[in-house]
C-alpha atoms as a PDB file:
ATOM      1  CA  UNK A   1      61.553  92.464  56.754  1.00  0.00           C
ATOM      2  CA  UNK A   2      65.231  92.818  55.987  1.00  0.00           C
ATOM      3  CA  UNK A   3      67.203  90.511  58.268  1.00  0.00           C
ATOM      4  CA  UNK A   4      70.703  91.445  57.049  1.00  0.00           C
ATOM      5  CA  UNK A   5      72.458  94.756  56.332  1.00  0.00           C
ATOM      6  CA  UNK A   6      72.663  93.928  52.605  1.00  0.00           C
ATOM      7  CA  UNK A   7      68.956  93.195  52.401  1.00  0.00           C
ATOM      8  CA  UNK A   8      68.132  96.375  54.315  1.00  0.00           C
ATOM      9  CA  UNK A   9      70.336  98.435  52.002  1.00  0.00           C
ATOM     10  CA  UNK A  10      68.702  96.836  48.966  1.00  0.00           C
ATOM     11  CA  UNK A  11      65.228  97.578  50.294  1.00  0.00           C
ATOM     12  CA  UNK A  12      66.084 101.210  51.147  1.00  0.00           C
ATOM     13  CA  UNK A  13      67.622 101.818  47.729  1.00  0.00           C
ATOM     14  CA  UNK A  14      64.717 100.157  45.885  1.00  0.00           C
ATOM     15  CA  UNK A  15      62.165 102.234  47.762  1.00  0.00           C
ATOM     16  CA  UNK A  16      64.017 105.425  46.878  1.00  0.00           C
ATOM     17  CA  UNK A  17      64.143 104.356  43.225  1.00  0.00           C
ATOM     18  CA  UNK A  18      60.389 103.753  43.223  1.00  0.00           C
ATOM     19  CA  UNK A  19      59.690 107.186  44.709  1.00  0.00           C
ATOM     20  CA  UNK A  20      61.868 108.857  42.089  1.00  0.00           C
ATOM     21  CA  UNK A  21      60.213 106.808  39.336  1.00  0.00           C
ATOM     22  CA  UNK A  22      56.869 108.097  40.585  1.00  0.00           C
ATOM     23  CA  UNK A  23      58.299 111.619  40.749  1.00  0.00           C
ATOM     24  CA  UNK A  24      59.658 111.441  37.202  1.00  0.00           C
ATOM     25  CA  UNK A  25      56.310 110.398  35.798  1.00  0.00           C
ATOM     26  CA  UNK A  26      54.511 113.068  37.828  1.00  0.00           C
ATOM     27  CA  UNK A  27      56.979 115.768  36.795  1.00  0.00           C
ATOM     28  CA  UNK A  28      56.737 114.760  33.143  1.00  0.00           C
ATOM     29  CA  UNK A  29      52.951 114.794  33.251  1.00  0.00           C
ATOM     30  CA  UNK A  30      52.913 118.224  34.899  1.00  0.00           C
ATOM     31  CA  UNK A  31      55.345 119.595  32.330  1.00  0.00           C
ATOM     32  CA  UNK A  32      53.241 118.312  29.428  1.00  0.00           C
ATOM     33  CA  UNK A  33      50.009 119.643  30.904  1.00  0.00           C
ATOM     34  CA  UNK A  34      47.675 116.777  30.093  1.00  0.00           C
ATOM     35  CA  UNK A  35      49.981 113.768  29.922  1.00  0.00           C
ATOM     36  CA  UNK A  36      50.399 111.953  26.614  1.00  0.00           C
ATOM     37  CA  UNK A  37      49.750 113.753  23.365  1.00  0.00           C
ATOM     38  CA  UNK A  38      46.784 112.344  21.351  1.00  0.00           C
ATOM     39  CA  UNK A  39      49.036 110.648  18.812  1.00  0.00           C
ATOM     40  CA  UNK A  40      50.780 108.804  21.669  1.00  0.00           C
ATOM     41  CA  UNK A  41      47.690 107.478  23.404  1.00  0.00           C
ATOM     42  CA  UNK A  42      48.075 104.018  21.877  1.00  0.00           C
ATOM     43  CA  UNK A  43      51.606 103.612  23.192  1.00  0.00           C
ATOM     44  CA  UNK A  44      51.677 100.408  25.266  1.00  0.00           C
ATOM     45  CA  UNK A  45      53.489 101.969  28.223  1.00  0.00           C
ATOM     46  CA  UNK A  46      54.258 105.461  29.492  1.00  0.00           C
ATOM     47  CA  UNK A  47      57.845 106.373  28.674  1.00  0.00           C
ATOM     48  CA  UNK A  48      60.226 109.291  28.963  1.00  0.00           C
ATOM     49  CA  UNK A  49      62.009 108.219  25.782  1.00  0.00           C
ATOM     50  CA  UNK A  50      63.471 111.284  24.097  1.00  0.00           C
ATOM     51  CA  UNK A  51      63.659 113.251  27.364  1.00  0.00           C
ATOM     52  CA  UNK A  52      66.845 114.485  29.056  1.00  0.00           C
ATOM     53  CA  UNK A  53      67.044 114.185  32.838  1.00  0.00           C
ATOM     54  CA  UNK A  54      69.686 116.144  34.770  1.00  0.00           C
ATOM     55  CA  UNK A  55      70.155 114.170  38.004  1.00  0.00           C
ATOM     56  CA  UNK A  56      72.945 116.344  39.399  1.00  0.00           C
ATOM     57  CA  UNK A  57      75.473 114.964  41.874  1.00  0.00           C
ATOM     58  CA  UNK A  58      75.947 111.198  41.774  1.00  0.00           C
ATOM     59  CA  UNK A  59      75.308 110.846  45.490  1.00  0.00           C
ATOM     60  CA  UNK A  60      72.767 108.476  47.050  1.00  0.00           C
ATOM     61  CA  UNK A  61      69.809 110.377  45.606  1.00  0.00           C
ATOM     62  CA  UNK A  62      71.544 110.763  42.246  1.00  0.00           C
ATOM     63  CA  UNK A  63      72.200 107.028  42.020  1.00  0.00           C
ATOM     64  CA  UNK A  64      68.562 106.211  42.763  1.00  0.00           C
ATOM     65  CA  UNK A  65      67.388 108.871  40.311  1.00  0.00           C
ATOM     66  CA  UNK A  66      69.612 107.493  37.551  1.00  0.00           C
ATOM     67  CA  UNK A  67      68.087 104.027  37.990  1.00  0.00           C
ATOM     68  CA  UNK A  68      64.597 105.532  38.072  1.00  0.00           C
ATOM     69  CA  UNK A  69      65.415 107.414  34.882  1.00  0.00           C
ATOM     70  CA  UNK A  70      66.460 104.160  33.223  1.00  0.00           C
ATOM     71  CA  UNK A  71      63.211 102.486  34.237  1.00  0.00           C
ATOM     72  CA  UNK A  72      61.215 105.479  33.011  1.00  0.00           C
ATOM     73  CA  UNK A  73      63.050 105.464  29.662  1.00  0.00           C
ATOM     74  CA  UNK A  74      64.895 108.782  29.988  1.00  0.00           C
ATOM     75  CA  UNK A  75      68.401 109.766  28.929  1.00  0.00           C
ATOM     76  CA  UNK A  76      70.063 110.685  32.219  1.00  0.00           C
ATOM     77  CA  UNK A  77      73.044 112.943  32.844  1.00  0.00           C
ATOM     78  CA  UNK A  78      74.782 113.048  36.210  1.00  0.00           C
ATOM     79  CA  UNK A  79      78.164 114.193  37.470  1.00  0.00           C
ATOM     80  CA  UNK A  80      80.633 113.742  40.305  1.00  0.00           C
ATOM     81  CA  UNK A  81      84.262 114.504  40.969  1.00  0.00           C
ATOM     82  CA  UNK A  82      84.404 111.629  43.467  1.00  0.00           C
ATOM     83  CA  UNK A  83      86.521 108.961  41.766  1.00  0.00           C
ATOM     84  CA  UNK A  84      85.318 106.192  44.083  1.00  0.00           C
ATOM     85  CA  UNK A  85      81.685 107.084  43.357  1.00  0.00           C
ATOM     86  CA  UNK A  86      82.407 107.015  39.631  1.00  0.00           C
ATOM     87  CA  UNK A  87      83.919 103.526  39.783  1.00  0.00           C
ATOM     88  CA  UNK A  88      81.167 102.192  42.041  1.00  0.00           C
ATOM     89  CA  UNK A  89      78.474 103.518  39.703  1.00  0.00           C
ATOM     90  CA  UNK A  90      80.005 101.600  36.807  1.00  0.00           C
ATOM     91  CA  UNK A  91      80.393  98.412  38.873  1.00  0.00           C
ATOM     92  CA  UNK A  92      76.786  98.601  40.071  1.00  0.00           C
ATOM     93  CA  UNK A  93      75.433  99.359  36.608  1.00  0.00           C
ATOM     94  CA  UNK A  94      74.048 102.720  37.750  1.00  0.00           C
ATOM     95  CA  UNK A  95      75.485 104.462  34.682  1.00  0.00           C
ATOM     96  CA  UNK A  96      76.353 103.119  31.257  1.00  0.00           C
ATOM     97  CA  UNK A  97      79.162 105.550  30.433  1.00  0.00           C
ATOM     98  CA  UNK A  98      81.720 107.461  32.454  1.00  0.00           C
ATOM     99  CA  UNK A  99      83.196 110.382  30.490  1.00  0.00           C
ATOM    100  CA  UNK A 100      85.510 113.278  31.243  1.00  0.00           C
ATOM    101  CA  UNK A 101      83.690 116.172  29.581  1.00  0.00           C
ATOM    102  CA  UNK A 102      80.229 117.521  28.819  1.00  0.00           C
ATOM    103  CA  UNK A 103      81.040 117.309  25.090  1.00  0.00           C
ATOM    104  CA  UNK A 104      81.531 113.543  25.338  1.00  0.00           C
ATOM    105  CA  UNK A 105      78.355 113.178  27.377  1.00  0.00           C
ATOM    106  CA  UNK A 106      76.271 115.199  24.927  1.00  0.00           C
ATOM    107  CA  UNK A 107      77.450 113.149  21.958  1.00  0.00           C
ATOM    108  CA  UNK A 108      76.156 109.999  23.647  1.00  0.00           C
ATOM    109  CA  UNK A 109      72.989 111.566  25.011  1.00  0.00           C
ATOM    110  CA  UNK A 110      71.931 113.276  21.783  1.00  0.00           C
ATOM    111  CA  UNK A 111      72.211 110.038  19.836  1.00  0.00           C
ATOM    112  CA  UNK A 112      70.121 108.086  22.354  1.00  0.00           C
ATOM    113  CA  UNK A 113      67.584 110.892  22.743  1.00  0.00           C
ATOM    114  CA  UNK A 114      67.110 110.925  18.971  1.00  0.00           C
ATOM    115  CA  UNK A 115      66.403 107.186  19.067  1.00  0.00           C
ATOM    116  CA  UNK A 116      64.262 107.572  22.235  1.00  0.00           C
ATOM    117  CA  UNK A 117      66.524 105.065  23.982  1.00  0.00           C
ATOM    118  CA  UNK A 118      67.466 104.797  27.663  1.00  0.00           C
ATOM    119  CA  UNK A 119      71.006 105.689  28.677  1.00  0.00           C
ATOM    120  CA  UNK A 120      72.758 107.038  31.783  1.00  0.00           C
ATOM    121  CA  UNK A 121      75.978 109.043  31.516  1.00  0.00           C
ATOM    122  CA  UNK A 122      78.206 110.377  34.278  1.00  0.00           C
ATOM    123  CA  UNK A 123      80.721 113.169  33.771  1.00  0.00           C
ATOM    124  CA  UNK A 124      83.748 112.973  36.038  1.00  0.00           C
ATOM    125  CA  UNK A 125      83.539 116.571  37.209  1.00  0.00           C
ATOM    126  CA  UNK A 126      81.863 118.697  39.848  1.00  0.00           C
ATOM    127  CA  UNK A 127      78.115 119.111  39.137  1.00  0.00           C
ATOM    128  CA  UNK A 128      78.281 122.900  39.494  1.00  0.00           C
ATOM    129  CA  UNK A 129      80.875 123.069  36.716  1.00  0.00           C
ATOM    130  CA  UNK A 130      78.719 120.936  34.433  1.00  0.00           C
ATOM    131  CA  UNK A 131      75.652 123.043  35.216  1.00  0.00           C
ATOM    132  CA  UNK A 132      77.578 126.199  34.286  1.00  0.00           C
ATOM    133  CA  UNK A 133      78.681 124.655  30.987  1.00  0.00           C
ATOM    134  CA  UNK A 134      75.120 123.541  30.261  1.00  0.00           C
ATOM    135  CA  UNK A 135      73.860 127.096  30.769  1.00  0.00           C
ATOM    136  CA  UNK A 136      76.603 128.525  28.567  1.00  0.00           C
ATOM    137  CA  UNK A 137      75.787 126.072  25.767  1.00  0.00           C
ATOM    138  CA  UNK A 138      72.030 126.405  26.068  1.00  0.00           C
ATOM    139  CA  UNK A 139      71.532 122.765  27.073  1.00  0.00           C
ATOM    140  CA  UNK A 140      68.059 122.590  28.628  1.00  0.00           C
ATOM    141  CA  UNK A 141      67.108 119.308  30.340  1.00  0.00           C
ATOM    142  CA  UNK A 142      63.459 118.333  30.198  1.00  0.00           C
ATOM    143  CA  UNK A 143      63.552 117.162  33.819  1.00  0.00           C
ATOM    144  CA  UNK A 144      65.620 118.483  36.723  1.00  0.00           C
ATOM    145  CA  UNK A 145      66.701 116.898  39.989  1.00  0.00           C
ATOM    146  CA  UNK A 146      64.866 119.457  42.125  1.00  0.00           C
ATOM    147  CA  UNK A 147      61.575 119.008  40.297  1.00  0.00           C
ATOM    148  CA  UNK A 148      61.793 115.227  40.417  1.00  0.00           C
ATOM    149  CA  UNK A 149      62.517 115.212  44.159  1.00  0.00           C
ATOM    150  CA  UNK A 150      59.618 117.590  44.787  1.00  0.00           C
ATOM    151  CA  UNK A 151      57.252 115.448  42.710  1.00  0.00           C
ATOM    152  CA  UNK A 152      58.411 112.274  44.469  1.00  0.00           C
ATOM    153  CA  UNK A 153      57.352 113.745  47.806  1.00  0.00           C
ATOM    154  CA  UNK A 154      53.707 114.093  46.748  1.00  0.00           C
ATOM    155  CA  UNK A 155      51.238 111.519  48.066  1.00  0.00           C
ATOM    156  CA  UNK A 156      51.148 108.395  45.888  1.00  0.00           C
ATOM    157  CA  UNK A 157      47.375 108.509  45.922  1.00  0.00           C
ATOM    158  CA  UNK A 158      45.080 111.482  46.234  1.00  0.00           C
ATOM    159  CA  UNK A 159      42.774 111.002  49.202  1.00  0.00           C
ATOM    160  CA  UNK A 160      40.059 113.586  48.577  1.00  0.00           C
ATOM    161  CA  UNK A 161      37.724 112.514  51.349  1.00  0.00           C
ATOM    162  CA  UNK A 162      37.634 110.390  54.468  1.00  0.00           C
ATOM    163  CA  UNK A 163      34.997 108.225  52.806  1.00  0.00           C
ATOM    164  CA  UNK A 164      37.389 106.890  50.187  1.00  0.00           C
ATOM    165  CA  UNK A 165      37.047 103.143  49.728  1.00  0.00           C
ATOM    166  CA  UNK A 166      39.578 101.436  51.996  1.00  0.00           C
ATOM    167  CA  UNK A 167      40.597  99.161  49.120  1.00  0.00           C
ATOM    168  CA  UNK A 168      42.124 102.179  47.361  1.00  0.00           C
ATOM    169  CA  UNK A 169      44.365 103.143  50.259  1.00  0.00           C
ATOM    170  CA  UNK A 170      48.070 102.612  49.754  1.00  0.00           C
ATOM    171  CA  UNK A 171      50.043  99.536  50.695  1.00  0.00           C
ATOM    172  CA  UNK A 172      53.738  98.787  50.449  1.00  0.00           C
ATOM    173  CA  UNK A 173      54.229  95.235  49.182  1.00  0.00           C
ATOM    174  CA  UNK A 174      57.693  93.669  49.443  1.00  0.00           C
ATOM    175  CA  UNK A 175      58.618  90.226  48.186  1.00  0.00           C
ATOM    176  CA  UNK A 176      61.942  88.659  49.083  1.00  0.00           C
ATOM    177  CA  UNK A 177      63.549  85.386  48.034  1.00  0.00           C
ATOM    178  CA  UNK A 178      66.255  83.841  50.218  1.00  0.00           C
ATOM    179  CA  UNK A 179      67.595  81.242  47.786  1.00  0.00           C
ATOM    180  CA  UNK A 180      67.776  81.081  43.971  1.00  0.00           C
ATOM    181  CA  UNK A 181      66.444  84.621  43.420  1.00  0.00           C
ATOM    182  CA  UNK A 182      67.235  84.435  39.689  1.00  0.00           C
ATOM    183  CA  UNK A 183      64.732  81.582  39.449  1.00  0.00           C
ATOM    184  CA  UNK A 184      61.965  82.664  41.784  1.00  0.00           C
ATOM    185  CA  UNK A 185      61.864  86.456  41.636  1.00  0.00           C
ATOM    186  CA  UNK A 186      60.805  86.496  37.949  1.00  0.00           C
ATOM    187  CA  UNK A 187      57.999  84.061  38.807  1.00  0.00           C
ATOM    188  CA  UNK A 188      56.785  86.301  41.625  1.00  0.00           C
ATOM    189  CA  UNK A 189      57.055  89.325  39.328  1.00  0.00           C
ATOM    190  CA  UNK A 190      54.883  87.510  36.782  1.00  0.00           C
ATOM    191  CA  UNK A 191      52.262  86.900  39.467  1.00  0.00           C
ATOM    192  CA  UNK A 192      52.402  90.592  40.372  1.00  0.00           C
ATOM    193  CA  UNK A 193      51.779  91.525  36.730  1.00  0.00           C
ATOM    194  CA  UNK A 194      48.785  89.188  36.639  1.00  0.00           C
ATOM    195  CA  UNK A 195      47.303  91.095  39.599  1.00  0.00           C
ATOM    196  CA  UNK A 196      47.432  94.469  37.845  1.00  0.00           C
ATOM    197  CA  UNK A 197      44.733  95.996  35.685  1.00  0.00           C
ATOM    198  CA  UNK A 198      45.620  95.668  31.995  1.00  0.00           C
ATOM    199  CA  UNK A 199      45.578  99.458  31.548  1.00  0.00           C
ATOM    200  CA  UNK A 200      47.795 100.209  34.579  1.00  0.00           C
ATOM    201  CA  UNK A 201      50.758 101.001  32.349  1.00  0.00           C
ATOM    202  CA  UNK A 202      52.685 102.929  34.997  1.00  0.00           C
ATOM    203  CA  UNK A 203      52.792  99.942  37.370  1.00  0.00           C
ATOM    204  CA  UNK A 204      53.374  97.362  34.658  1.00  0.00           C
ATOM    205  CA  UNK A 205      56.432  99.234  33.429  1.00  0.00           C
ATOM    206  CA  UNK A 206      57.849  99.398  36.957  1.00  0.00           C
ATOM    207  CA  UNK A 207      57.473  95.681  37.691  1.00  0.00           C
ATOM    208  CA  UNK A 208      58.729  94.667  34.245  1.00  0.00           C
ATOM    209  CA  UNK A 209      61.824  96.907  34.097  1.00  0.00           C
ATOM    210  CA  UNK A 210      62.858  97.325  37.737  1.00  0.00           C
ATOM    211  CA  UNK A 211      64.808  94.009  37.845  1.00  0.00           C
ATOM    212  CA  UNK A 212      66.739  94.899  34.687  1.00  0.00           C
ATOM    213  CA  UNK A 213      68.048  98.218  35.944  1.00  0.00           C
ATOM    214  CA  UNK A 214      68.380  97.813  39.704  1.00  0.00           C
ATOM    215  CA  UNK A 215      70.664  94.817  39.256  1.00  0.00           C
ATOM    216  CA  UNK A 216      72.410  93.393  42.299  1.00  0.00           C
ATOM    217  CA  UNK A 217      71.457  96.462  44.317  1.00  0.00           C
ATOM    218  CA  UNK A 218      67.989  94.953  44.631  1.00  0.00           C
ATOM    219  CA  UNK A 219      69.525  92.288  46.885  1.00  0.00           C
ATOM    220  CA  UNK A 220      66.761  89.788  46.155  1.00  0.00           C
ATOM    221  CA  UNK A 221      64.063  92.258  47.192  1.00  0.00           C
ATOM    222  CA  UNK A 222      61.333  93.631  44.922  1.00  0.00           C
ATOM    223  CA  UNK A 223      58.707  96.101  46.052  1.00  0.00           C
ATOM    224  CA  UNK A 224      55.694  98.035  44.872  1.00  0.00           C
ATOM    225  CA  UNK A 225      53.489 100.754  46.365  1.00  0.00           C
ATOM    226  CA  UNK A 226      49.930  99.930  45.433  1.00  0.00           C
ATOM    227  CA  UNK A 227      46.316  99.748  46.591  1.00  0.00           C
ATOM    228  CA  UNK A 228      44.981  97.164  49.026  1.00  0.00           C
ATOM    229  CA  UNK A 229      43.223  95.268  46.289  1.00  0.00           C
ATOM    230  CA  UNK A 230      46.505  94.491  44.543  1.00  0.00           C
ATOM    231  CA  UNK A 231      48.136  93.515  47.861  1.00  0.00           C
ATOM    232  CA  UNK A 232      45.354  91.082  48.731  1.00  0.00           C
ATOM    233  CA  UNK A 233      45.275  89.575  45.226  1.00  0.00           C
ATOM    234  CA  UNK A 234      49.049  89.143  45.108  1.00  0.00           C
ATOM    235  CA  UNK A 235      49.276  87.355  48.454  1.00  0.00           C
ATOM    236  CA  UNK A 236      46.331  85.118  47.634  1.00  0.00           C
ATOM    237  CA  UNK A 237      47.639  84.135  44.193  1.00  0.00           C
ATOM    238  CA  UNK A 238      51.123  83.365  45.559  1.00  0.00           C
ATOM    239  CA  UNK A 239      49.570  81.228  48.303  1.00  0.00           C
ATOM    240  CA  UNK A 240      47.467  79.375  45.740  1.00  0.00           C
ATOM    241  CA  UNK A 241      50.421  78.615  43.468  1.00  0.00           C
ATOM    242  CA  UNK A 242      52.449  77.399  46.450  1.00  0.00           C
ATOM    243  CA  UNK A 243      49.539  75.178  47.526  1.00  0.00           C
ATOM    244  CA  UNK A 244      49.276  73.710  44.025  1.00  0.00           C
ATOM    245  CA  UNK A 245      53.021  73.096  43.870  1.00  0.00           C
ATOM    246  CA  UNK A 246      53.523  75.467  40.934  1.00  0.00           C
ATOM    247  CA  UNK A 247      56.141  77.459  42.846  1.00  0.00           C
ATOM    248  CA  UNK A 248      58.219  76.438  45.865  1.00  0.00           C
ATOM    249  CA  UNK A 249      60.401  79.324  46.929  1.00  0.00           C
ATOM    250  CA  UNK A 250      61.840  80.177  50.314  1.00  0.00           C
ATOM    251  CA  UNK A 251      61.197  83.780  51.262  1.00  0.00           C
ATOM    252  CA  UNK A 252      58.687  86.262  52.523  1.00  0.00           C
ATOM    253  CA  UNK A 253      56.008  88.717  51.483  1.00  0.00           C
ATOM    254  CA  UNK A 254      55.388  91.733  53.675  1.00  0.00           C
ATOM    255  CA  UNK A 255      52.437  94.075  53.258  1.00  0.00           C
ATOM    256  CA  UNK A 256      52.572  97.345  55.175  1.00  0.00           C
ATOM    257  CA  UNK A 257      49.583  99.643  55.563  1.00  0.00           C
ATOM    258  CA  UNK A 258      49.347 102.920  57.453  1.00  0.00           C
ATOM    259  CA  UNK A 259      47.928 101.115  60.473  1.00  0.00           C
ATOM    260  CA  UNK A 260      49.562  97.680  60.436  1.00  0.00           C
ATOM    261  CA  UNK A 261      51.918  95.238  58.730  1.00  0.00           C
ATOM    262  CA  UNK A 262      51.383  91.624  57.723  1.00  0.00           C
ATOM    263  CA  UNK A 263      54.060  89.020  57.014  1.00  0.00           C
ATOM    264  CA  UNK A 264      53.702  85.794  55.059  1.00  0.00           C
ATOM    265  CA  UNK A 265      56.495  83.217  55.124  1.00  0.00           C
ATOM    266  CA  UNK A 266      57.094  80.679  52.370  1.00  0.00           C
ATOM    267  CA  UNK A 267      57.048  77.826  52.592  1.00  0.00           C
ATOM    268  CA  UNK A 268      54.262  78.150  55.188  1.00  0.00           C
ATOM    269  CA  UNK A 269      55.621  77.588  58.680  1.00  0.00           C
ATOM    270  CA  UNK A 270      59.154  78.531  57.634  1.00  0.00           C
END
């Protein structure tokens, strides 16, 4: 689907962010035993507000995990001694604060954790040094890089039998806009939200908050791993709105299943 290096990089990064978002939610649910506590069951969306995520080295995986942590609502701590990586993370909006010590980082993190607010902080130091300081001070993150990566590698859907309804099998849906993405991507995102079940809080949070935190790294590409029913509904509703003249974007939707891929160009015939 990606016809240029920038678009390919944006797609690859976005897919990694989604997998880590999935992993964060899975890891948090496993840690809590049964998911949300009873008093939280009326919360409109799942959130890791009030949780500390240690994302480790601010390498490729660390960058994607920091964005996933933002989408999930966590307070994320990462570290790197690579000056270029530090500057790039600030330019790309991967982290909110770049500090020089764990003390500075903890002051920011503790305040945002208390308020259950999202924040991402990078310490300009080697991760192993920060980990040693955290152990010495008794700082215990709620979520760790290793656990999140392990959880992100689990199947997105549990296929307990070969007779599972084909509509529940996974699909990767990608929508890309070639021109005026600031105008048309939010409209396509709104259509995607309309195709979700009202109680699918996990997916609704992803589609709603992904554009805010991925920033320019998304490169005009949004994606979602879903069931076939969502994929079919999304394509059909976009086609219908194009036919009615309600939207008129130039771009593409790609739906990839385990056995095939389908591409839809807009406007039709483009």
